[in-house]
Amino acid sequence: MALSIYRRLAWAALLSGLSLASSASSAARAETPGDTPERAAARTKLVQGVTLLKSGDYSGALSQFQDAYRLVPSPNIHYDLGLAYVGLGRPVDALEAFDRFLSEAPDAPAATRQKAEADAELMRGRVATVTISVDKVGAEVLVDGNARGVAPLPRALYLDPGRHDLAARQPGGALGPVQSLKAEAGAAVTVSLHLPAVVAAPDSPAATASVPGVAPPAPPTSTILEQPPTTTSGASQARVWALSSSALGVALLGTGVTFALLARSEGDSLTDLSRQSMKDNNHPEFPTATESRGRTYDTLAWVGLGAGVVALAAGAIILVTSNRRSSPGPLAGTDFRLVF
């Protein structure tokens, strides 16, 4: 618990120092004469970014610094960007920003450069430094599926601790073997990526030209087209399903017709009973049981007729589809293999 508190205090002190350094550098830039509208707007963005940085709004500060850099792409702003990345817990981005500041802003104040060097060293201990070489110039280097440059890479890459997949891709698009790397904080690793050599076909001009005094191979004297036996099991099975569906449809239609007749019979009985009841008592009385059976039979009739129509339609569709598949055009779907 005490160690966690000490770490938080250390981070707070670090960020406070970084904010003060950024304020000093931004103030120094603000005093530069001959401002253009873009420089004035960029200076405003920088001041707002420093204010947000001090208040702990690192995401807002990063947005302001990025806007300032788009207005005036000064290398000095890379240091401000690095401070925001530190606050956001993005050591890889922070280290890359500090590196750019140190390499692109040699005229920055000496105190600011010393602070950037110390910050970069701190971030370097939180990432893995990976030097990647590829045995083919011009190949694209991929890290976790994302392009990170073209071989030879101008510098080492910084990776967050954890497992990463490294690979190289041919200029034509062929991907080489993928290497898995477990990156550790503070470690420096060298990785060599290999791409398979492109081998020319035996009968190609490149292959024969590479061997002096060897004539190109003669073309094959005969070529046999071997066709595998045609199978009709799929079409036969489809016809079986079609006939089964049609038979089921006919049965369901018959069931529906039967229930329709029963419903009609119950309706006729109900009508006769109602007439007789009205004749005897001067008001109709409907037997509940007869009425209920009539409604049930009527519902079952509709269900049977509907299901029968669907089953017959499905059988017809299956039959038509199977017939089309079993009569392809000339050489359609044929798997020809060359045997020399």
Protein backbone atom coordinates (compact mmCIF):
# COMPACT_ATOMS: atom_id res chain seq x y z
CA MET A 1 0.00 0.00 0.00
CA ALA A 2 2.78 2.41 0.97
CA LEU A 3 4.69 1.52 -2.21
CA SER A 4 1.62 2.35 -4.33
CA ILE A 5 1.29 5.74 -2.63
CA TYR A 6 4.96 6.48 -3.23
CA ARG A 7 4.58 5.59 -6.90
CA ARG A 8 1.60 7.92 -7.28
CA LEU A 9 3.51 10.73 -5.60
CA ALA A 10 6.49 10.11 -7.88
CA TRP A 11 4.29 10.25 -10.98
CA ALA A 12 2.61 13.41 -9.73
CA ALA A 13 5.99 15.03 -9.14
CA LEU A 14 7.19 13.93 -12.58
CA LEU A 15 4.14 15.33 -14.34
CA SER A 16 4.37 18.57 -12.38
CA GLY A 17 7.97 18.97 -13.49
CA LEU A 18 7.03 18.16 -17.06
CA SER A 19 4.21 20.71 -16.98
CA LEU A 20 6.54 23.42 -15.68
CA ALA A 21 9.07 22.62 -18.39
CA SER A 22 6.36 22.72 -21.04
CA SER A 23 5.12 26.04 -19.70
CA ALA A 24 8.62 27.48 -19.91
CA SER A 25 9.15 26.25 -23.44
CA SER A 26 5.71 27.45 -24.57
CA ALA A 27 6.27 30.85 -22.95
CA ALA A 28 9.60 31.14 -24.72
CA ARG A 29 7.93 30.40 -28.03
CA ALA A 30 5.17 32.90 -27.26
CA GLU A 31 7.72 35.72 -27.17
CA THR A 32 8.86 35.07 -30.74
CA PRO A 33 8.24 38.20 -32.84
CA GLY A 34 6.64 38.29 -36.29
CA ASP A 35 3.64 36.07 -35.57
CA THR A 36 1.40 35.03 -38.46
CA PRO A 37 -2.29 34.19 -37.89
CA GLU A 38 -1.38 30.50 -37.91
CA ARG A 39 1.39 30.99 -35.35
CA ALA A 40 -0.89 33.07 -33.14
CA ALA A 41 -3.57 30.37 -33.25
CA ALA A 42 -0.97 27.67 -32.57
CA ARG A 43 0.38 29.66 -29.60
CA THR A 44 -3.15 29.87 -28.18
CA LYS A 45 -3.56 26.11 -28.60
CA LEU A 46 -0.27 25.50 -26.80
CA VAL A 47 -1.23 27.70 -23.85
CA GLN A 48 -4.58 25.94 -23.57
CA GLY A 49 -2.86 22.58 -23.80
CA VAL A 50 -0.45 23.42 -20.98
CA THR A 51 -3.38 24.55 -18.81
CA LEU A 52 -5.19 21.27 -19.44
CA LEU A 53 -1.97 19.34 -18.78
CA LYS A 54 -1.60 20.95 -15.36
CA SER A 55 -5.22 20.18 -14.48
CA GLY A 56 -4.76 16.48 -15.36
CA ASP A 57 -6.84 16.55 -18.57
CA TYR A 58 -4.19 14.77 -20.64
CA SER A 59 -6.56 13.81 -23.45
CA GLY A 60 -7.67 17.42 -23.90
CA ALA A 61 -4.07 18.62 -23.75
CA LEU A 62 -3.06 16.11 -26.43
CA SER A 63 -5.84 17.36 -28.70
CA GLN A 64 -4.71 20.97 -28.28
CA PHE A 65 -1.07 20.11 -28.96
CA GLN A 66 -2.03 18.13 -32.08
CA ASP A 67 -4.08 21.06 -33.37
CA ALA A 68 -1.14 23.39 -32.75
CA TYR A 69 1.21 21.08 -34.67
CA ARG A 70 -1.20 20.97 -37.62
CA LEU A 71 -1.21 24.77 -37.69
CA VAL A 72 2.55 25.14 -37.26
CA PRO A 73 4.52 21.86 -37.58
CA SER A 74 7.29 22.94 -35.25
CA PRO A 75 9.55 20.14 -33.91
CA ASN A 76 9.42 21.80 -30.48
CA ILE A 77 5.78 20.70 -30.12
CA HIS A 78 6.88 17.05 -30.09
CA TYR A 79 8.02 17.58 -26.51
CA ASP A 80 4.56 18.85 -25.52
CA LEU A 81 3.01 15.82 -27.23
CA GLY A 82 5.35 13.55 -25.28
CA LEU A 83 4.19 15.07 -21.99
CA ALA A 84 0.56 14.39 -22.87
CA TYR A 85 1.36 10.79 -23.84
CA VAL A 86 3.13 10.29 -20.50
CA GLY A 87 0.02 11.41 -18.66
CA LEU A 88 -2.15 9.08 -20.75
CA GLY A 89 0.07 6.09 -19.94
CA ARG A 90 1.24 5.61 -23.54
CA PRO A 91 5.00 5.14 -23.15
CA VAL A 92 5.61 4.04 -26.75
CA ASP A 93 4.04 7.20 -28.19
CA ALA A 94 5.74 9.34 -25.55
CA LEU A 95 9.19 7.91 -26.32
CA GLU A 96 8.72 8.37 -30.06
CA ALA A 97 7.67 11.99 -29.47
CA PHE A 98 10.70 12.68 -27.26
CA ASP A 99 13.01 11.07 -29.85
CA ARG A 100 11.60 13.28 -32.59
CA PHE A 101 12.03 16.35 -30.42
CA LEU A 102 15.65 15.52 -29.67
CA SER A 103 16.48 14.75 -33.32
CA GLU A 104 14.50 17.51 -35.02
CA ALA A 105 14.89 20.39 -32.56
CA PRO A 106 18.66 20.77 -31.99
CA ASP A 107 18.25 24.51 -31.29
CA ALA A 108 15.81 24.01 -28.40
CA PRO A 109 16.93 25.35 -25.00
CA ALA A 110 19.56 23.16 -23.40
CA ALA A 111 17.52 22.73 -20.22
CA THR A 112 14.52 21.49 -22.21
CA ARG A 113 16.65 19.04 -24.18
CA GLN A 114 18.19 17.69 -20.95
CA LYS A 115 14.71 17.20 -19.53
CA ALA A 116 13.56 15.46 -22.72
CA GLU A 117 16.56 13.11 -22.55
CA ALA A 118 15.73 12.22 -18.95
CA ASP A 119 12.04 11.67 -19.82
CA ALA A 120 12.99 9.53 -22.83
CA GLU A 121 15.27 7.37 -20.68
CA LEU A 122 12.44 6.88 -18.19
CA MET A 123 10.02 5.80 -20.95
CA ARG A 124 12.66 3.53 -22.51
CA GLY A 125 12.56 1.45 -19.36
CA ARG A 126 8.83 0.89 -19.84
CA VAL A 127 8.89 -0.42 -23.42
CA ALA A 128 10.75 -3.02 -25.46
CA THR A 129 13.21 -1.84 -28.10
CA VAL A 130 13.07 -4.19 -31.09
CA THR A 131 15.53 -4.01 -33.98
CA ILE A 132 14.06 -5.78 -37.02
CA SER A 133 16.05 -6.86 -40.06
CA VAL A 134 14.66 -8.42 -43.25
CA ASP A 135 16.61 -10.40 -45.82
CA LYS A 136 14.87 -8.61 -48.69
CA VAL A 137 15.19 -4.87 -49.30
CA GLY A 138 11.86 -3.17 -49.94
CA ALA A 139 9.80 -5.71 -47.98
CA GLU A 140 7.08 -4.25 -45.77
CA VAL A 141 7.42 -4.92 -42.02
CA LEU A 142 4.21 -5.77 -40.15
CA VAL A 143 3.70 -5.73 -36.39
CA ASP A 144 0.42 -7.28 -35.23
CA GLY A 145 -0.85 -6.90 -38.80
CA ASN A 146 -0.04 -3.17 -39.00
CA ALA A 147 2.55 -1.79 -41.42
CA ARG A 148 5.52 -0.22 -39.59
CA GLY A 149 7.80 0.65 -42.49
CA VAL A 150 9.82 -0.77 -45.35
CA ALA A 151 13.07 -2.71 -44.95
CA PRO A 152 15.63 -1.66 -44.07
CA LEU A 153 13.94 0.17 -41.19
CA PRO A 154 15.70 3.43 -40.30
CA ARG A 155 15.57 2.73 -36.55
CA ALA A 156 14.44 0.27 -33.92
CA LEU A 157 10.75 -0.01 -33.04
CA TYR A 158 9.27 0.53 -29.59
CA LEU A 159 6.66 -2.02 -28.50
CA ASP A 160 4.48 -2.25 -25.43
CA PRO A 161 5.26 -5.20 -23.14
CA GLY A 162 3.40 -8.33 -24.16
CA ARG A 163 3.13 -10.73 -27.08
CA HIS A 164 3.42 -9.41 -30.65
CA ASP A 165 3.36 -11.03 -34.11
CA LEU A 166 6.07 -9.91 -36.53
CA ALA A 167 6.17 -10.63 -40.26
CA ALA A 168 7.46 -9.29 -43.57
CA ARG A 169 5.53 -8.98 -46.81
CA GLN A 170 6.90 -9.19 -50.34
CA PRO A 171 6.50 -6.09 -52.51
CA GLY A 172 4.09 -8.18 -54.57
CA GLY A 173 1.94 -9.03 -51.55
CA ALA A 174 3.16 -12.49 -50.44
CA LEU A 175 3.39 -12.73 -46.64
CA GLY A 176 6.36 -14.46 -45.06
CA PRO A 177 6.43 -16.60 -41.90
CA VAL A 178 5.03 -14.94 -38.77
CA GLN A 179 7.28 -14.79 -35.71
CA SER A 180 5.79 -14.42 -32.24
CA LEU A 181 7.71 -12.20 -29.81
CA LYS A 182 7.13 -11.74 -26.09
CA ALA A 183 8.31 -8.20 -25.44
CA GLU A 184 9.51 -7.25 -21.96
CA ALA A 185 9.82 -3.76 -20.51
CA GLY A 186 13.34 -2.37 -20.75
CA ALA A 187 14.58 -5.18 -23.02
CA ALA A 188 16.42 -4.67 -26.31
CA VAL A 189 15.75 -7.44 -28.85
CA THR A 190 16.95 -8.12 -32.39
CA VAL A 191 14.66 -10.06 -34.74
CA SER A 192 15.48 -11.34 -38.24
CA LEU A 193 12.58 -11.88 -40.62
CA HIS A 194 12.93 -14.06 -43.70
CA LEU A 195 10.99 -14.20 -46.92
CA PRO A 196 10.94 -17.32 -49.10
CA ALA A 197 12.93 -16.99 -52.30
CA VAL A 198 10.90 -16.76 -55.48
CA VAL A 199 11.84 -19.86 -57.48
CA ALA A 200 11.35 -19.66 -61.25
CA ALA A 201 9.44 -22.47 -62.92
CA PRO A 202 11.65 -25.17 -64.54
CA ASP A 203 10.53 -24.27 -68.06
CA SER A 204 10.73 -20.49 -67.58
CA PRO A 205 13.39 -18.44 -69.44
CA ALA A 206 14.79 -17.17 -66.10
CA ALA A 207 15.48 -20.69 -64.88
CA THR A 208 17.24 -21.85 -68.04
CA ALA A 209 19.20 -18.64 -68.48
CA SER A 210 20.70 -19.05 -65.02
CA VAL A 211 22.50 -22.25 -66.04
CA PRO A 212 25.02 -21.60 -68.88
CA GLY A 213 25.16 -24.19 -71.63
CA VAL A 214 21.90 -25.88 -70.70
CA ALA A 215 19.22 -25.80 -73.34
CA PRO A 216 15.63 -25.17 -72.35
CA PRO A 217 13.73 -28.37 -71.69
CA ALA A 218 11.67 -29.69 -74.56
CA PRO A 219 7.92 -29.39 -74.28
CA PRO A 220 6.09 -32.53 -73.13
CA THR A 221 5.40 -35.00 -75.90
CA SER A 222 1.92 -35.83 -74.72
CA THR A 223 -0.62 -34.48 -72.37
CA ILE A 224 -3.40 -36.60 -70.95
CA LEU A 225 -6.47 -35.05 -69.46
CA GLU A 226 -7.60 -37.21 -66.58
CA GLN A 227 -11.15 -36.64 -65.46
CA PRO A 228 -12.35 -38.10 -62.19
CA PRO A 229 -15.50 -40.22 -62.28
CA THR A 230 -18.70 -38.23 -62.12
CA THR A 231 -20.81 -38.82 -59.06
CA THR A 232 -24.59 -38.37 -58.98
CA SER A 233 -25.19 -39.13 -55.35
CA GLY A 234 -25.93 -35.46 -54.60
CA ALA A 235 -28.60 -35.22 -57.32
CA SER A 236 -30.14 -38.56 -56.34
CA GLN A 237 -30.34 -37.53 -52.71
CA ALA A 238 -31.97 -34.25 -53.71
CA ARG A 239 -34.63 -36.13 -55.70
CA VAL A 240 -35.35 -38.36 -52.72
CA TRP A 241 -35.84 -35.28 -50.55
CA ALA A 242 -38.10 -33.74 -53.23
CA LEU A 243 -40.29 -36.84 -53.45
CA SER A 244 -40.46 -37.13 -49.66
CA SER A 245 -41.48 -33.50 -49.32
CA SER A 246 -44.13 -33.90 -52.03
CA ALA A 247 -45.54 -37.02 -50.38
CA LEU A 248 -45.70 -35.22 -47.05
CA GLY A 249 -47.46 -32.31 -48.75
CA VAL A 250 -50.10 -34.61 -50.23
CA ALA A 251 -50.67 -36.24 -46.84
CA LEU A 252 -51.03 -32.87 -45.13
CA LEU A 253 -53.46 -31.67 -47.78
CA GLY A 254 -55.53 -34.82 -47.26
CA THR A 255 -55.50 -34.21 -43.51
CA GLY A 256 -56.57 -30.62 -44.02
CA VAL A 257 -59.46 -31.65 -46.28
CA THR A 258 -60.57 -34.22 -43.71
CA PHE A 259 -60.64 -31.67 -40.88
CA ALA A 260 -62.45 -29.24 -43.18
CA LEU A 261 -65.20 -31.81 -43.75
CA LEU A 262 -65.43 -32.49 -40.03
CA ALA A 263 -65.68 -28.76 -39.32
CA ARG A 264 -68.45 -28.45 -41.89
CA SER A 265 -70.28 -31.40 -40.34
CA GLU A 266 -70.07 -29.84 -36.88
CA GLY A 267 -71.32 -26.56 -38.34
CA ASP A 268 -74.32 -28.28 -39.91
CA SER A 269 -75.08 -30.06 -36.63
CA LEU A 270 -74.83 -26.77 -34.75
CA THR A 271 -77.25 -25.14 -37.20
CA ASP A 272 -79.78 -27.96 -36.85
CA LEU A 273 -79.57 -27.90 -33.05
CA SER A 274 -80.05 -24.15 -33.01
CA ARG A 275 -83.12 -24.33 -35.22
CA GLN A 276 -84.64 -27.07 -33.09
CA SER A 277 -83.90 -25.15 -29.90
CA MET A 278 -85.49 -22.00 -31.31
CA LYS A 279 -88.55 -23.94 -32.41
CA ASP A 280 -89.01 -25.44 -28.96
CA ASN A 281 -88.06 -22.52 -26.73
CA ASN A 282 -88.52 -19.49 -29.03
CA HIS A 283 -84.83 -18.53 -28.60
CA PRO A 284 -81.67 -20.19 -29.94
CA GLU A 285 -79.31 -22.16 -27.72
CA PHE A 286 -75.84 -23.06 -28.97
CA PRO A 287 -74.28 -26.26 -27.59
CA THR A 288 -70.82 -25.24 -26.36
CA ALA A 289 -69.14 -28.60 -27.01
CA THR A 290 -70.30 -28.75 -30.62
CA GLU A 291 -69.19 -25.19 -31.27
CA SER A 292 -65.75 -25.86 -29.73
CA ARG A 293 -65.19 -28.96 -31.82
CA GLY A 294 -66.16 -27.09 -34.95
CA ARG A 295 -63.61 -24.34 -34.29
CA THR A 296 -60.88 -26.89 -33.53
CA TYR A 297 -61.56 -28.81 -36.72
CA ASP A 298 -61.59 -25.60 -38.73
CA THR A 299 -58.19 -24.53 -37.28
CA LEU A 300 -56.65 -27.94 -37.97
CA ALA A 301 -57.99 -27.82 -41.51
CA TRP A 302 -56.28 -24.53 -42.25
CA VAL A 303 -53.04 -25.73 -40.66
CA GLY A 304 -53.05 -28.94 -42.70
CA LEU A 305 -53.84 -27.20 -45.97
CA GLY A 306 -51.18 -24.51 -45.42
CA ALA A 307 -48.49 -27.00 -44.41
CA GLY A 308 -49.36 -29.21 -47.36
CA VAL A 309 -48.98 -26.36 -49.83
CA VAL A 310 -45.60 -25.41 -48.31
CA ALA A 311 -44.34 -29.00 -48.45
CA LEU A 312 -45.42 -29.41 -52.09
CA ALA A 313 -43.74 -26.14 -53.04
CA ALA A 314 -40.53 -27.17 -51.26
CA GLY A 315 -40.51 -30.50 -53.09
CA ALA A 316 -40.95 -28.79 -56.44
CA ILE A 317 -38.13 -26.32 -55.73
CA ILE A 318 -35.76 -29.10 -54.65
CA LEU A 319 -36.60 -31.13 -57.75
CA VAL A 320 -36.05 -28.23 -60.15
CA THR A 321 -32.77 -27.27 -58.45
CA SER A 322 -31.43 -30.82 -58.57
CA ASN A 323 -32.26 -31.13 -62.26
CA ARG A 324 -30.38 -27.95 -63.04
CA ARG A 325 -27.33 -29.10 -61.10
CA SER A 326 -27.30 -32.52 -62.74
CA SER A 327 -27.21 -31.09 -66.28
CA PRO A 328 -24.26 -28.62 -66.42
CA GLY A 329 -22.87 -27.09 -69.58
CA PRO A 330 -19.85 -28.43 -71.49
CA LEU A 331 -16.93 -29.13 -69.10
CA ALA A 332 -18.67 -27.20 -66.31
CA GLY A 333 -17.36 -28.22 -62.91
CA THR A 334 -14.87 -30.68 -64.42
CA ASP A 335 -11.69 -31.17 -62.40
CA PHE A 336 -9.00 -31.74 -65.04
CA ARG A 337 -5.52 -32.70 -63.89
CA LEU A 338 -2.45 -32.72 -66.12
CA VAL A 339 -0.53 -35.99 -66.10
CA PHE A 340 2.76 -36.05 -68.01
